[in-house]
């Protein structure tokens, strides 16, 4: 490093999306017996029942953390009788 130069970090982005891989989402949605089955996920997506996804140019799928949370919030129901 030259004299007078500082080691500058790029500014932090507070608007950066947190993207989850499909494996991360399946693990989170699964239970004690393992991750959610890919076939279940694919069925939800085909029926339009799953969370929004981002399909990358290489074919990989990502789910934004905010979209997954919003989808889960939409599934939340109060118990019957309360």
Protein backbone atom coordinates (compact mmCIF):
# COMPACT_ATOMS: atom_id res chain seq x y z
CA UNK A 1 0.00 0.00 0.00
CA UNK A 2 1.32 3.42 -0.89
CA UNK A 3 1.91 6.09 1.69
CA UNK A 4 -1.21 8.15 2.20
CA UNK A 5 -3.58 5.42 1.00
CA UNK A 6 -6.02 3.83 3.37
CA UNK A 7 -7.57 0.42 3.19
CA UNK A 8 -11.10 1.46 2.22
CA UNK A 9 -13.98 -0.92 2.52
CA UNK A 10 -16.81 -0.54 0.02
CA UNK A 11 -19.83 1.09 1.62
CA UNK A 12 -22.13 -1.42 3.27
CA UNK A 13 -25.45 -1.96 1.57
CA UNK A 14 -28.43 -1.96 3.84
CA UNK A 15 -30.74 -2.84 0.94
CA UNK A 16 -28.93 -6.05 0.00
CA UNK A 17 -31.26 -9.03 -0.36
CA UNK A 18 -30.62 -12.19 1.57
CA UNK A 19 -31.05 -15.02 -0.92
CA UNK A 20 -31.54 -18.60 0.21
CA UNK A 21 -30.69 -21.66 -1.85
CA UNK A 22 -33.43 -24.19 -2.46
CA UNK A 23 -31.68 -26.63 -0.10
CA UNK A 24 -31.75 -23.99 2.66
CA UNK A 25 -35.46 -23.36 2.12
CA UNK A 26 -36.29 -27.08 2.07
CA UNK A 27 -34.36 -27.59 5.30
CA UNK A 28 -36.17 -24.70 6.96
CA UNK A 29 -39.60 -25.91 5.87
CA UNK A 30 -38.92 -29.51 6.80
CA UNK A 31 -39.46 -31.14 10.13
CA UNK A 32 -37.60 -33.35 12.56
CA UNK A 33 -37.52 -36.14 9.98
CA UNK A 34 -35.60 -34.06 7.43
CA UNK A 35 -36.04 -31.40 4.79
CA UNK A 36 -39.22 -30.87 2.82
CA UNK A 37 -39.30 -33.17 -0.20
CA UNK A 38 -38.35 -31.56 -3.52
CA UNK A 39 -41.43 -33.14 -5.09
CA UNK A 40 -43.64 -31.35 -2.55
CA UNK A 41 -41.86 -28.06 -3.31
CA UNK A 42 -42.25 -28.58 -7.05
CA UNK A 43 -45.95 -29.37 -6.62
CA UNK A 44 -46.47 -26.17 -4.63
CA UNK A 45 -44.68 -24.15 -7.30
CA UNK A 46 -46.68 -25.70 -10.15
CA UNK A 47 -49.93 -24.92 -8.32
CA UNK A 48 -48.82 -21.39 -7.41
CA UNK A 49 -48.93 -22.21 -3.70
CA UNK A 50 -45.29 -21.69 -2.79
CA UNK A 51 -43.28 -18.56 -2.10
CA UNK A 52 -41.96 -16.35 -4.88
CA UNK A 53 -38.71 -17.55 -6.40
CA UNK A 54 -35.83 -16.02 -8.30
CA UNK A 55 -34.59 -18.15 -11.18
CA UNK A 56 -30.98 -17.32 -12.03
CA UNK A 57 -29.69 -17.46 -15.64
CA UNK A 58 -27.86 -20.71 -14.81
CA UNK A 59 -31.16 -22.34 -13.80
CA UNK A 60 -30.58 -22.27 -10.07
CA UNK A 61 -33.42 -21.15 -7.82
CA UNK A 62 -33.15 -18.69 -4.97
CA UNK A 63 -35.77 -17.44 -2.53
CA UNK A 64 -35.41 -14.02 -0.95
CA UNK A 65 -35.60 -14.23 2.84
CA UNK A 66 -38.22 -11.45 2.85
CA UNK A 67 -40.39 -13.35 0.34
CA UNK A 68 -40.17 -16.57 2.35
CA UNK A 69 -41.09 -14.74 5.56
CA UNK A 70 -44.01 -12.96 3.87
CA UNK A 71 -45.28 -16.26 2.46
CA UNK A 72 -45.05 -17.92 5.88
CA UNK A 73 -46.83 -14.94 7.48
CA UNK A 74 -49.63 -15.41 4.94
CA UNK A 75 -50.08 -19.00 6.13
CA UNK A 76 -50.40 -17.98 9.77
CA UNK A 77 -53.86 -18.55 11.21
CA UNK A 78 -55.33 -17.97 14.65
CA UNK A 79 -56.41 -21.11 16.45
CA UNK A 80 -60.10 -21.96 16.07
CA UNK A 81 -62.23 -20.62 18.91
CA UNK A 82 -59.89 -17.79 19.86
